[in-house]
Amino acid sequence: MRRWILTAFLSFAGLTGGCASRPAAPPVALPQLTPPPAAEAPCEAYVLPPDATRADLDEGYVRRGAQIAACDAARRLALETLKAEHALEAETLRRMGRRRR
């Protein structure tokens, strides 16, 4: 039992000592993009009135179609913003790696 504790302690000390001998990397502020308000707004969904008529159904189809198109455009905008942010982060990290060498 004591031999196991000594082995674990020495292993832990070796791992900790290996990390402590390296200089700490300076904190890096990665670029962050703010998504447009349209990308964060919740999507609307038309709800039929309780006593819906045929005209209400027709209006619902038209409204829902427009709302789905608007929601998809907002989703696409949010995705493009996220991809652009990831590209900026990757470029920043790549440039930092080049400077350190």
PDB file of N, CA and C in Angstrom:
ATOM      1  N   MET A   1       0.825  -1.188   0.000  1.00  0.00           N
ATOM      2  CA  MET A   1       0.000   0.000   0.000  1.00  0.00           C
ATOM      3  C   MET A   1       0.868   1.250   0.000  1.00  0.00           C
ATOM      4  N   ARG A   2       1.919   1.270   0.858  1.00  0.00           N
ATOM      5  CA  ARG A   2       2.788   2.439   0.941  1.00  0.00           C
ATOM      6  C   ARG A   2       3.549   2.660  -0.367  1.00  0.00           C
ATOM      7  N   ARG A   3       3.936   1.582  -0.993  1.00  0.00           N
ATOM      8  CA  ARG A   3       4.671   1.690  -2.247  1.00  0.00           C
ATOM      9  C   ARG A   3       3.788   2.343  -3.315  1.00  0.00           C
ATOM     10  N   TRP A   4       2.503   2.004  -3.338  1.00  0.00           N
ATOM     11  CA  TRP A   4       1.551   2.582  -4.294  1.00  0.00           C
ATOM     12  C   TRP A   4       1.388   4.081  -4.042  1.00  0.00           C
ATOM     13  N   ILE A   5       1.291   4.480  -2.768  1.00  0.00           N
ATOM     14  CA  ILE A   5       1.146   5.896  -2.423  1.00  0.00           C
ATOM     15  C   ILE A   5       2.392   6.658  -2.852  1.00  0.00           C
ATOM     16  N   LEU A   6       3.564   6.106  -2.603  1.00  0.00           N
ATOM     17  CA  LEU A   6       4.809   6.762  -2.992  1.00  0.00           C
ATOM     18  C   LEU A   6       4.899   6.891  -4.507  1.00  0.00           C
ATOM     19  N   THR A   7       4.514   5.850  -5.233  1.00  0.00           N
ATOM     20  CA  THR A   7       4.530   5.902  -6.696  1.00  0.00           C
ATOM     21  C   THR A   7       3.571   6.968  -7.206  1.00  0.00           C
ATOM     22  N   ALA A   8       2.382   7.020  -6.646  1.00  0.00           N
ATOM     23  CA  ALA A   8       1.398   8.021  -7.067  1.00  0.00           C
ATOM     24  C   ALA A   8       1.896   9.425  -6.764  1.00  0.00           C
ATOM     25  N   PHE A   9       2.487   9.622  -5.588  1.00  0.00           N
ATOM     26  CA  PHE A   9       2.996  10.937  -5.218  1.00  0.00           C
ATOM     27  C   PHE A   9       4.106  11.387  -6.160  1.00  0.00           C
ATOM     28  N   LEU A  10       5.036  10.508  -6.462  1.00  0.00           N
ATOM     29  CA  LEU A  10       6.141  10.868  -7.354  1.00  0.00           C
ATOM     30  C   LEU A  10       5.641  11.146  -8.768  1.00  0.00           C
ATOM     31  N   SER A  11       4.672  10.371  -9.220  1.00  0.00           N
ATOM     32  CA  SER A  11       4.096  10.617 -10.546  1.00  0.00           C
ATOM     33  C   SER A  11       3.414  11.979 -10.588  1.00  0.00           C
ATOM     34  N   PHE A  12       2.643  12.280  -9.568  1.00  0.00           N
ATOM     35  CA  PHE A  12       1.948  13.566  -9.505  1.00  0.00           C
ATOM     36  C   PHE A  12       2.952  14.715  -9.459  1.00  0.00           C
ATOM     37  N   ALA A  13       3.997  14.567  -8.665  1.00  0.00           N
ATOM     38  CA  ALA A  13       5.012  15.615  -8.560  1.00  0.00           C
ATOM     39  C   ALA A  13       5.721  15.810  -9.894  1.00  0.00           C
ATOM     40  N   GLY A  14       5.981  14.721 -10.595  1.00  0.00           N
ATOM     41  CA  GLY A  14       6.632  14.835 -11.904  1.00  0.00           C
ATOM     42  C   GLY A  14       5.755  15.537 -12.918  1.00  0.00           C
ATOM     43  N   LEU A  15       4.477  15.221 -12.926  1.00  0.00           N
ATOM     44  CA  LEU A  15       3.559  15.876 -13.857  1.00  0.00           C
ATOM     45  C   LEU A  15       3.413  17.352 -13.534  1.00  0.00           C
ATOM     46  N   THR A  16       3.296  17.669 -12.259  1.00  0.00           N
ATOM     47  CA  THR A  16       3.153  19.065 -11.857  1.00  0.00           C
ATOM     48  C   THR A  16       4.432  19.833 -12.151  1.00  0.00           C
ATOM     49  N   GLY A  17       5.560  19.244 -11.873  1.00  0.00           N
ATOM     50  CA  GLY A  17       6.841  19.909 -12.127  1.00  0.00           C
ATOM     51  C   GLY A  17       7.068  20.163 -13.602  1.00  0.00           C
ATOM     52  N   GLY A  18       6.600  19.259 -14.454  1.00  0.00           N
ATOM     53  CA  GLY A  18       6.752  19.450 -15.894  1.00  0.00           C
ATOM     54  C   GLY A  18       5.973  20.648 -16.394  1.00  0.00           C
ATOM     55  N   CYS A  19       4.803  20.853 -15.861  1.00  0.00           N
ATOM     56  CA  CYS A  19       3.989  22.002 -16.270  1.00  0.00           C
ATOM     57  C   CYS A  19       4.521  23.291 -15.672  1.00  0.00           C
ATOM     58  N   ALA A  20       5.058  23.214 -14.461  1.00  0.00           N
ATOM     59  CA  ALA A  20       5.519  24.422 -13.782  1.00  0.00           C
ATOM     60  C   ALA A  20       6.785  24.977 -14.417  1.00  0.00           C
ATOM     61  N   SER A  21       7.554  24.155 -15.106  1.00  0.00           N
ATOM     62  CA  SER A  21       8.804  24.641 -15.685  1.00  0.00           C
ATOM     63  C   SER A  21       8.585  25.446 -16.960  1.00  0.00           C
ATOM     64  N   ARG A  22       7.416  25.302 -17.582  1.00  0.00           N
ATOM     65  CA  ARG A  22       7.117  26.063 -18.799  1.00  0.00           C
ATOM     66  C   ARG A  22       6.565  27.428 -18.444  1.00  0.00           C
ATOM     67  N   PRO A  23       6.950  28.470 -19.180  1.00  0.00           N
ATOM     68  CA  PRO A  23       6.366  29.784 -18.907  1.00  0.00           C
ATOM     69  C   PRO A  23       4.888  29.789 -19.286  1.00  0.00           C
ATOM     70  N   ALA A  24       4.128  30.521 -18.535  1.00  0.00           N
ATOM     71  CA  ALA A  24       2.690  30.593 -18.798  1.00  0.00           C
ATOM     72  C   ALA A  24       2.443  31.375 -20.078  1.00  0.00           C
ATOM     73  N   ALA A  25       1.509  30.901 -20.853  1.00  0.00           N
ATOM     74  CA  ALA A  25       1.149  31.603 -22.081  1.00  0.00           C
ATOM     75  C   ALA A  25       0.354  32.852 -21.714  1.00  0.00           C
ATOM     76  N   PRO A  26       0.635  33.958 -22.385  1.00  0.00           N
ATOM     77  CA  PRO A  26      -0.114  35.176 -22.070  1.00  0.00           C
ATOM     78  C   PRO A  26      -1.574  35.016 -22.476  1.00  0.00           C
ATOM     79  N   PRO A  27      -2.469  35.626 -21.722  1.00  0.00           N
ATOM     80  CA  PRO A  27      -3.880  35.518 -22.093  1.00  0.00           C
ATOM     81  C   PRO A  27      -4.132  36.196 -23.434  1.00  0.00           C
ATOM     82  N   VAL A  28      -4.959  35.575 -24.217  1.00  0.00           N
ATOM     83  CA  VAL A  28      -5.239  36.078 -25.557  1.00  0.00           C
ATOM     84  C   VAL A  28      -6.704  36.464 -25.642  1.00  0.00           C
ATOM     85  N   ALA A  29      -6.943  37.633 -26.163  1.00  0.00           N
ATOM     86  CA  ALA A  29      -8.324  38.063 -26.388  1.00  0.00           C
ATOM     87  C   ALA A  29      -8.690  37.693 -27.818  1.00  0.00           C
ATOM     88  N   LEU A  30      -9.449  36.630 -27.965  1.00  0.00           N
ATOM     89  CA  LEU A  30      -9.873  36.207 -29.294  1.00  0.00           C
ATOM     90  C   LEU A  30     -10.988  37.118 -29.779  1.00  0.00           C
ATOM     91  N   PRO A  31     -11.024  37.384 -31.071  1.00  0.00           N
ATOM     92  CA  PRO A  31     -12.075  38.266 -31.587  1.00  0.00           C
ATOM     93  C   PRO A  31     -13.448  37.633 -31.429  1.00  0.00           C
ATOM     94  N   GLN A  32     -14.410  38.482 -31.105  1.00  0.00           N
ATOM     95  CA  GLN A  32     -15.789  38.019 -30.981  1.00  0.00           C
ATOM     96  C   GLN A  32     -16.682  38.950 -31.781  1.00  0.00           C
ATOM     97  N   LEU A  33     -17.589  38.377 -32.524  1.00  0.00           N
ATOM     98  CA  LEU A  33     -18.532  39.156 -33.316  1.00  0.00           C
ATOM     99  C   LEU A  33     -19.873  39.190 -32.601  1.00  0.00           C
ATOM    100  N   THR A  34     -20.539  40.314 -32.701  1.00  0.00           N
ATOM    101  CA  THR A  34     -21.877  40.441 -32.135  1.00  0.00           C
ATOM    102  C   THR A  34     -22.881  40.128 -33.228  1.00  0.00           C
ATOM    103  N   PRO A  35     -23.728  39.135 -33.007  1.00  0.00           N
ATOM    104  CA  PRO A  35     -24.707  38.804 -34.049  1.00  0.00           C
ATOM    105  C   PRO A  35     -25.725  39.931 -34.212  1.00  0.00           C
ATOM    106  N   PRO A  36     -26.205  40.123 -35.414  1.00  0.00           N
ATOM    107  CA  PRO A  36     -27.227  41.145 -35.646  1.00  0.00           C
ATOM    108  C   PRO A  36     -28.488  40.828 -34.841  1.00  0.00           C
ATOM    109  N   PRO A  37     -29.249  41.858 -34.466  1.00  0.00           N
ATOM    110  CA  PRO A  37     -30.472  41.618 -33.681  1.00  0.00           C
ATOM    111  C   PRO A  37     -31.450  40.661 -34.368  1.00  0.00           C
ATOM    112  N   ALA A  38     -31.494  40.704 -35.689  1.00  0.00           N
ATOM    113  CA  ALA A  38     -32.416  39.811 -36.410  1.00  0.00           C
ATOM    114  C   ALA A  38     -32.066  38.344 -36.183  1.00  0.00           C
ATOM    115  N   ALA A  39     -30.790  38.058 -35.954  1.00  0.00           N
ATOM    116  CA  ALA A  39     -30.369  36.674 -35.748  1.00  0.00           C
ATOM    117  C   ALA A  39     -30.739  36.168 -34.355  1.00  0.00           C
ATOM    118  N   GLU A  40     -30.955  37.079 -33.411  1.00  0.00           N
ATOM    119  CA  GLU A  40     -31.268  36.673 -32.043  1.00  0.00           C
ATOM    120  C   GLU A  40     -32.760  36.742 -31.720  1.00  0.00           C
ATOM    121  N   ALA A  41     -33.529  37.370 -32.579  1.00  0.00           N
ATOM    122  CA  ALA A  41     -34.965  37.518 -32.311  1.00  0.00           C
ATOM    123  C   ALA A  41     -35.676  36.179 -32.489  1.00  0.00           C
ATOM    124  N   PRO A  42     -36.622  35.872 -31.618  1.00  0.00           N
ATOM    125  CA  PRO A  42     -37.361  34.615 -31.783  1.00  0.00           C
ATOM    126  C   PRO A  42     -38.246  34.668 -33.025  1.00  0.00           C
ATOM    127  N   CYS A  43     -38.459  33.537 -33.615  1.00  0.00           N
ATOM    128  CA  CYS A  43     -39.308  33.459 -34.807  1.00  0.00           C
ATOM    129  C   CYS A  43     -40.778  33.523 -34.400  1.00  0.00           C
ATOM    130  N   GLU A  44     -41.554  34.169 -35.232  1.00  0.00           N
ATOM    131  CA  GLU A  44     -42.991  34.262 -34.985  1.00  0.00           C
ATOM    132  C   GLU A  44     -43.687  33.085 -35.661  1.00  0.00           C
ATOM    133  N   ALA A  45     -44.836  32.743 -35.127  1.00  0.00           N
ATOM    134  CA  ALA A  45     -45.647  31.682 -35.727  1.00  0.00           C
ATOM    135  C   ALA A  45     -47.116  32.079 -35.611  1.00  0.00           C
ATOM    136  N   TYR A  46     -47.762  32.168 -36.743  1.00  0.00           N
ATOM    137  CA  TYR A  46     -49.177  32.539 -36.775  1.00  0.00           C
ATOM    138  C   TYR A  46     -50.007  31.422 -36.157  1.00  0.00           C
ATOM    139  N   VAL A  47     -50.932  31.804 -35.294  1.00  0.00           N
ATOM    140  CA  VAL A  47     -51.819  30.840 -34.641  1.00  0.00           C
ATOM    141  C   VAL A  47     -53.243  31.129 -35.098  1.00  0.00           C
ATOM    142  N   LEU A  48     -53.920  30.100 -35.501  1.00  0.00           N
ATOM    143  CA  LEU A  48     -55.308  30.258 -35.949  1.00  0.00           C
ATOM    144  C   LEU A  48     -56.209  30.664 -34.782  1.00  0.00           C
ATOM    145  N   PRO A  49     -57.181  31.512 -35.058  1.00  0.00           N
ATOM    146  CA  PRO A  49     -58.138  31.853 -33.999  1.00  0.00           C
ATOM    147  C   PRO A  49     -58.998  30.632 -33.657  1.00  0.00           C
ATOM    148  N   PRO A  50     -59.611  30.627 -32.481  1.00  0.00           N
ATOM    149  CA  PRO A  50     -60.406  29.461 -32.068  1.00  0.00           C
ATOM    150  C   PRO A  50     -61.551  29.130 -33.030  1.00  0.00           C
ATOM    151  N   ASP A  51     -62.169  30.144 -33.584  1.00  0.00           N
ATOM    152  CA  ASP A  51     -63.285  29.896 -34.511  1.00  0.00           C
ATOM    153  C   ASP A  51     -62.829  30.177 -35.947  1.00  0.00           C
ATOM    154  N   ALA A  52     -61.806  29.442 -36.376  1.00  0.00           N
ATOM    155  CA  ALA A  52     -61.186  29.689 -37.681  1.00  0.00           C
ATOM    156  C   ALA A  52     -62.140  29.377 -38.828  1.00  0.00           C
ATOM    157  N   THR A  53     -62.060  30.221 -39.841  1.00  0.00           N
ATOM    158  CA  THR A  53     -62.839  30.020 -41.065  1.00  0.00           C
ATOM    159  C   THR A  53     -61.886  29.650 -42.186  1.00  0.00           C
ATOM    160  N   ARG A  54     -62.429  29.411 -43.346  1.00  0.00           N
ATOM    161  CA  ARG A  54     -61.605  29.092 -44.518  1.00  0.00           C
ATOM    162  C   ARG A  54     -60.660  30.259 -44.836  1.00  0.00           C
ATOM    163  N   ALA A  55     -61.136  31.481 -44.690  1.00  0.00           N
ATOM    164  CA  ALA A  55     -60.298  32.661 -44.935  1.00  0.00           C
ATOM    165  C   ALA A  55     -59.143  32.719 -43.933  1.00  0.00           C
ATOM    166  N   ASP A  56     -59.396  32.352 -42.680  1.00  0.00           N
ATOM    167  CA  ASP A  56     -58.331  32.318 -41.669  1.00  0.00           C
ATOM    168  C   ASP A  56     -57.274  31.271 -42.028  1.00  0.00           C
ATOM    169  N   LEU A  57     -57.705  30.137 -42.536  1.00  0.00           N
ATOM    170  CA  LEU A  57     -56.758  29.101 -42.961  1.00  0.00           C
ATOM    171  C   LEU A  57     -55.892  29.596 -44.113  1.00  0.00           C
ATOM    172  N   ASP A  58     -56.518  30.242 -45.098  1.00  0.00           N
ATOM    173  CA  ASP A  58     -55.756  30.779 -46.232  1.00  0.00           C
ATOM    174  C   ASP A  58     -54.751  31.825 -45.762  1.00  0.00           C
ATOM    175  N   GLU A  59     -55.195  32.715 -44.880  1.00  0.00           N
ATOM    176  CA  GLU A  59     -54.297  33.741 -44.343  1.00  0.00           C
ATOM    177  C   GLU A  59     -53.166  33.090 -43.547  1.00  0.00           C
ATOM    178  N   GLY A  60     -53.491  32.041 -42.805  1.00  0.00           N
ATOM    179  CA  GLY A  60     -52.482  31.333 -42.021  1.00  0.00           C
ATOM    180  C   GLY A  60     -51.405  30.718 -42.892  1.00  0.00           C
ATOM    181  N   TYR A  61     -51.789  30.120 -44.021  1.00  0.00           N
ATOM    182  CA  TYR A  61     -50.795  29.538 -44.931  1.00  0.00           C
ATOM    183  C   TYR A  61     -49.850  30.609 -45.466  1.00  0.00           C
ATOM    184  N   VAL A  62     -50.411  31.747 -45.848  1.00  0.00           N
ATOM    185  CA  VAL A  62     -49.584  32.831 -46.398  1.00  0.00           C
ATOM    186  C   VAL A  62     -48.661  33.393 -45.323  1.00  0.00           C
ATOM    187  N   ARG A  63     -49.217  33.674 -44.144  1.00  0.00           N
ATOM    188  CA  ARG A  63     -48.397  34.233 -43.056  1.00  0.00           C
ATOM    189  C   ARG A  63     -47.311  33.258 -42.613  1.00  0.00           C
ATOM    190  N   ARG A  64     -47.672  32.018 -42.435  1.00  0.00           N
ATOM    191  CA  ARG A  64     -46.677  31.029 -41.989  1.00  0.00           C
ATOM    192  C   ARG A  64     -45.549  30.872 -43.007  1.00  0.00           C
ATOM    193  N   GLY A  65     -45.899  30.888 -44.277  1.00  0.00           N
ATOM    194  CA  GLY A  65     -44.856  30.796 -45.305  1.00  0.00           C
ATOM    195  C   GLY A  65     -43.876  31.951 -45.211  1.00  0.00           C
ATOM    196  N   ALA A  66     -44.396  33.160 -45.049  1.00  0.00           N
ATOM    197  CA  ALA A  66     -43.528  34.334 -44.915  1.00  0.00           C
ATOM    198  C   ALA A  66     -42.713  34.261 -43.623  1.00  0.00           C
ATOM    199  N   GLN A  67     -43.319  33.790 -42.547  1.00  0.00           N
ATOM    200  CA  GLN A  67     -42.609  33.685 -41.275  1.00  0.00           C
ATOM    201  C   GLN A  67     -41.511  32.628 -41.325  1.00  0.00           C
ATOM    202  N   ILE A  68     -41.767  31.539 -42.009  1.00  0.00           N
ATOM    203  CA  ILE A  68     -40.739  30.499 -42.147  1.00  0.00           C
ATOM    204  C   ILE A  68     -39.566  31.023 -42.965  1.00  0.00           C
ATOM    205  N   ALA A  69     -39.847  31.759 -44.033  1.00  0.00           N
ATOM    206  CA  ALA A  69     -38.773  32.334 -44.852  1.00  0.00           C
ATOM    207  C   ALA A  69     -37.951  33.330 -44.038  1.00  0.00           C
ATOM    208  N   ALA A  70     -38.606  34.178 -43.241  1.00  0.00           N
ATOM    209  CA  ALA A  70     -37.893  35.154 -42.409  1.00  0.00           C
ATOM    210  C   ALA A  70     -37.066  34.455 -41.334  1.00  0.00           C
ATOM    211  N   CYS A  71     -37.607  33.413 -40.746  1.00  0.00           N
ATOM    212  CA  CYS A  71     -36.893  32.669 -39.710  1.00  0.00           C
ATOM    213  C   CYS A  71     -35.667  31.968 -40.298  1.00  0.00           C
ATOM    214  N   ASP A  72     -35.812  31.417 -41.489  1.00  0.00           N
ATOM    215  CA  ASP A  72     -34.685  30.756 -42.141  1.00  0.00           C
ATOM    216  C   ASP A  72     -33.593  31.762 -42.490  1.00  0.00           C
ATOM    217  N   ALA A  73     -33.980  32.962 -42.915  1.00  0.00           N
ATOM    218  CA  ALA A  73     -32.989  34.002 -43.219  1.00  0.00           C
ATOM    219  C   ALA A  73     -32.242  34.419 -41.950  1.00  0.00           C
ATOM    220  N   ALA A  74     -32.951  34.544 -40.836  1.00  0.00           N
ATOM    221  CA  ALA A  74     -32.307  34.895 -39.567  1.00  0.00           C
ATOM    222  C   ALA A  74     -31.365  33.785 -39.110  1.00  0.00           C
ATOM    223  N   ARG A  75     -31.778  32.538 -39.294  1.00  0.00           N
ATOM    224  CA  ARG A  75     -30.917  31.405 -38.930  1.00  0.00           C
ATOM    225  C   ARG A  75     -29.651  31.398 -39.769  1.00  0.00           C
ATOM    226  N   ARG A  76     -29.814  31.656 -41.071  1.00  0.00           N
ATOM    227  CA  ARG A  76     -28.664  31.707 -41.968  1.00  0.00           C
ATOM    228  C   ARG A  76     -27.707  32.833 -41.563  1.00  0.00           C
ATOM    229  N   LEU A  77     -28.257  33.988 -41.186  1.00  0.00           N
ATOM    230  CA  LEU A  77     -27.445  35.122 -40.751  1.00  0.00           C
ATOM    231  C   LEU A  77     -26.665  34.780 -39.482  1.00  0.00           C
ATOM    232  N   ALA A  78     -27.315  34.112 -38.543  1.00  0.00           N
ATOM    233  CA  ALA A  78     -26.634  33.705 -37.313  1.00  0.00           C
ATOM    234  C   ALA A  78     -25.519  32.708 -37.613  1.00  0.00           C
ATOM    235  N   LEU A  79     -25.758  31.788 -38.520  1.00  0.00           N
ATOM    236  CA  LEU A  79     -24.749  30.799 -38.886  1.00  0.00           C
ATOM    237  C   LEU A  79     -23.559  31.449 -39.582  1.00  0.00           C
ATOM    238  N   GLU A  80     -23.815  32.397 -40.469  1.00  0.00           N
ATOM    239  CA  GLU A  80     -22.725  33.108 -41.143  1.00  0.00           C
ATOM    240  C   GLU A  80     -21.888  33.899 -40.142  1.00  0.00           C
ATOM    241  N   THR A  81     -22.539  34.513 -39.155  1.00  0.00           N
ATOM    242  CA  THR A  81     -21.812  35.249 -38.119  1.00  0.00           C
ATOM    243  C   THR A  81     -20.934  34.303 -37.313  1.00  0.00           C
ATOM    244  N   LEU A  82     -21.462  33.150 -36.947  1.00  0.00           N
ATOM    245  CA  LEU A  82     -20.696  32.170 -36.181  1.00  0.00           C
ATOM    246  C   LEU A  82     -19.493  31.663 -36.980  1.00  0.00           C
ATOM    247  N   LYS A  83     -19.693  31.365 -38.257  1.00  0.00           N
ATOM    248  CA  LYS A  83     -18.585  30.896 -39.095  1.00  0.00           C
ATOM    249  C   LYS A  83     -17.518  31.974 -39.243  1.00  0.00           C
ATOM    250  N   ALA A  84     -17.932  33.229 -39.396  1.00  0.00           N
ATOM    251  CA  ALA A  84     -16.967  34.323 -39.515  1.00  0.00           C
ATOM    252  C   ALA A  84     -16.173  34.485 -38.221  1.00  0.00           C
ATOM    253  N   GLU A  85     -16.832  34.338 -37.078  1.00  0.00           N
ATOM    254  CA  GLU A  85     -16.135  34.443 -35.797  1.00  0.00           C
ATOM    255  C   GLU A  85     -15.118  33.315 -35.646  1.00  0.00           C
ATOM    256  N   HIS A  86     -15.490  32.114 -36.009  1.00  0.00           N
ATOM    257  CA  HIS A  86     -14.554  30.983 -35.919  1.00  0.00           C
ATOM    258  C   HIS A  86     -13.364  31.187 -36.853  1.00  0.00           C
ATOM    259  N   ALA A  87     -13.598  31.748 -38.028  1.00  0.00           N
ATOM    260  CA  ALA A  87     -12.498  32.011 -38.954  1.00  0.00           C
ATOM    261  C   ALA A  87     -11.549  33.057 -38.376  1.00  0.00           C
ATOM    262  N   LEU A  88     -12.092  34.099 -37.748  1.00  0.00           N
ATOM    263  CA  LEU A  88     -11.243  35.115 -37.118  1.00  0.00           C
ATOM    264  C   LEU A  88     -10.436  34.527 -35.965  1.00  0.00           C
ATOM    265  N   GLU A  89     -11.067  33.671 -35.165  1.00  0.00           N
ATOM    266  CA  GLU A  89     -10.352  33.027 -34.064  1.00  0.00           C
ATOM    267  C   GLU A  89      -9.219  32.152 -34.589  1.00  0.00           C
ATOM    268  N   ALA A  90      -9.489  31.378 -35.619  1.00  0.00           N
ATOM    269  CA  ALA A  90      -8.461  30.505 -36.191  1.00  0.00           C
ATOM    270  C   ALA A  90      -7.311  31.328 -36.756  1.00  0.00           C
ATOM    271  N   GLU A  91      -7.624  32.426 -37.427  1.00  0.00           N
ATOM    272  CA  GLU A  91      -6.582  33.296 -37.983  1.00  0.00           C
ATOM    273  C   GLU A  91      -5.749  33.915 -36.864  1.00  0.00           C
ATOM    274  N   THR A  92      -6.398  34.348 -35.793  1.00  0.00           N
ATOM    275  CA  THR A  92      -5.671  34.933 -34.663  1.00  0.00           C
ATOM    276  C   THR A  92      -4.742  33.905 -34.036  1.00  0.00           C
ATOM    277  N   LEU A  93      -5.235  32.699 -33.821  1.00  0.00           N
ATOM    278  CA  LEU A  93      -4.401  31.649 -33.229  1.00  0.00           C
ATOM    279  C   LEU A  93      -3.261  31.255 -34.163  1.00  0.00           C
ATOM    280  N   ARG A  94      -3.516  31.247 -35.465  1.00  0.00           N
ATOM    281  CA  ARG A  94      -2.463  30.913 -36.423  1.00  0.00           C
ATOM    282  C   ARG A  94      -1.362  31.965 -36.381  1.00  0.00           C
ATOM    283  N   ARG A  95      -1.752  33.239 -36.324  1.00  0.00           N
ATOM    284  CA  ARG A  95      -0.756  34.316 -36.258  1.00  0.00           C
ATOM    285  C   ARG A  95       0.025  34.269 -34.957  1.00  0.00           C
ATOM    286  N   MET A  96      -0.642  33.928 -33.864  1.00  0.00           N
ATOM    287  CA  MET A  96       0.059  33.819 -32.583  1.00  0.00           C
ATOM    288  C   MET A  96       1.074  32.690 -32.625  1.00  0.00           C
ATOM    289  N   GLY A  97       0.720  31.583 -33.229  1.00  0.00           N
ATOM    290  CA  GLY A  97       1.637  30.456 -33.342  1.00  0.00           C
ATOM    291  C   GLY A  97       2.855  30.810 -34.163  1.00  0.00           C
ATOM    292  N   ARG A  98       2.673  31.623 -35.167  1.00  0.00           N
ATOM    293  CA  ARG A  98       3.771  32.055 -36.014  1.00  0.00           C
ATOM    294  C   ARG A  98       4.724  32.957 -35.236  1.00  0.00           C
ATOM    295  N   ARG A  99       4.192  33.818 -34.362  1.00  0.00           N
ATOM    296  CA  ARG A  99       5.019  34.739 -33.583  1.00  0.00           C
ATOM    297  C   ARG A  99       5.838  34.020 -32.530  1.00  0.00           C
ATOM    298  N   ARG A 100       5.302  32.955 -31.953  1.00  0.00           N
ATOM    299  CA  ARG A 100       5.987  32.266 -30.858  1.00  0.00           C
ATOM    300  C   ARG A 100       7.206  31.487 -31.327  1.00  0.00           C
ATOM    301  N   ARG A 101       7.231  31.092 -32.558  1.00  0.00           N
ATOM    302  CA  ARG A 101       8.314  30.225 -33.047  1.00  0.00           C
ATOM    303  C   ARG A 101       9.557  30.971 -33.312  1.00  0.00           C
TER     304      ARG A 101
END
